[in-house]
Amino acid sequence: MKRRVAVTGLGIISPCGNQIDDFSLNLTAGKSGVRRISLANSSLLSVKIAAEVDFDPHDYFMKKQVSRLDRVNQFALAAASQAWK
């Protein structure tokens, strides 16, 4: 028995882009999301590159909500919000 699935919305928060259009363009252009670490002090780390996500939670949440959600949950809810829209 085959099951059918309908995709009704897409959302993404990633190092390659935080909108579906940006993400798709960057992937097809071969742009990498990996670069020198800039969001944290990497002087004590042996690795100096990472796939960091440029993300401002205030674009999606009120100040009070930002302090209550960890970064991973912010990504998930922001992507879900994009998919919903």
Protein backbone atom coordinates (compact mmCIF):
# COMPACT_ATOMS: atom_id res chain seq x y z
CA MET A 1 0.00 0.00 0.00
CA LYS A 2 1.45 3.36 -1.02
CA ARG A 3 0.85 6.41 1.11
CA ARG A 4 0.48 9.83 -0.37
CA VAL A 5 2.01 12.92 1.20
CA ALA A 6 1.19 16.55 0.50
CA VAL A 7 3.82 19.15 1.35
CA THR A 8 1.91 22.28 2.26
CA GLY A 9 4.77 24.50 3.37
CA LEU A 10 8.54 24.70 3.69
CA GLY A 11 10.79 26.48 6.14
CA ILE A 12 14.49 26.42 6.86
CA ILE A 13 17.09 27.93 9.17
CA SER A 14 20.56 26.84 8.08
CA PRO A 15 24.12 28.02 7.47
CA CYS A 16 23.29 28.19 3.74
CA GLY A 17 20.30 30.49 4.17
CA ASN A 18 17.34 31.24 6.38
CA GLN A 19 14.70 31.34 3.68
CA ILE A 20 13.84 28.61 1.16
CA ASP A 21 14.73 30.81 -1.84
CA ASP A 22 18.12 31.85 -0.39
CA PHE A 23 18.90 28.28 0.64
CA SER A 24 18.06 26.89 -2.81
CA LEU A 25 20.09 29.56 -4.62
CA ASN A 26 23.13 29.03 -2.40
CA LEU A 27 22.98 25.24 -2.79
CA THR A 28 22.65 25.34 -6.57
CA ALA A 29 25.47 27.93 -6.75
CA GLY A 30 27.68 25.61 -4.71
CA LYS A 31 28.09 28.07 -1.84
CA SER A 32 29.15 26.54 1.43
CA GLY A 33 27.80 27.47 4.84
CA VAL A 34 31.18 26.65 6.40
CA ARG A 35 33.48 29.56 7.30
CA ARG A 36 35.67 30.94 10.08
CA ILE A 37 33.94 30.98 13.47
CA SER A 38 32.61 34.44 14.24
CA LEU A 39 29.79 33.96 16.76
CA ALA A 40 32.02 32.75 19.59
CA ASN A 41 35.61 33.14 20.73
CA SER A 42 37.50 30.33 19.03
CA SER A 43 40.98 31.22 20.31
CA LEU A 44 41.04 28.23 22.68
CA LEU A 45 39.66 25.80 20.11
CA SER A 46 41.80 23.72 17.79
CA VAL A 47 39.15 24.04 15.06
CA LYS A 48 38.57 27.51 13.66
CA ILE A 49 35.84 26.78 11.10
CA ALA A 50 32.19 25.82 11.52
CA ALA A 51 28.80 25.96 9.84
CA GLU A 52 27.32 28.79 11.90
CA VAL A 53 23.78 30.01 11.39
CA ASP A 54 23.28 33.75 10.97
CA PHE A 55 20.03 34.13 12.84
CA ASP A 56 18.41 36.98 14.72
CA PRO A 57 15.67 35.54 16.94
CA HIS A 58 14.11 38.99 17.28
CA ASP A 59 12.95 38.67 13.66
CA TYR A 60 10.61 35.90 14.83
CA PHE A 61 10.02 36.34 18.56
CA MET A 62 9.32 39.00 21.16
CA LYS A 63 12.09 39.80 23.65
CA LYS A 64 10.46 37.81 26.46
CA GLN A 65 10.11 34.74 24.23
CA VAL A 66 13.76 34.90 23.12
CA SER A 67 14.98 34.54 26.69
CA ARG A 68 12.72 31.52 27.28
CA LEU A 69 13.73 29.51 24.21
CA ASP A 70 17.10 27.92 23.54
CA ARG A 71 18.71 28.46 20.15
CA VAL A 72 17.71 25.07 18.72
CA ASN A 73 14.05 25.61 19.59
CA GLN A 74 14.23 29.09 18.07
CA PHE A 75 15.45 27.54 14.80
CA ALA A 76 12.69 24.92 14.82
CA LEU A 77 9.90 27.39 15.57
CA ALA A 78 11.20 29.93 13.02
CA ALA A 79 11.31 27.25 10.29
CA ALA A 80 7.83 26.06 11.28
CA SER A 81 6.58 29.64 11.12
CA GLN A 82 7.96 29.98 7.59
CA ALA A 83 6.29 26.73 6.56
CA TRP A 84 3.00 27.85 8.05
CA LYS A 85 3.08 31.11 6.08
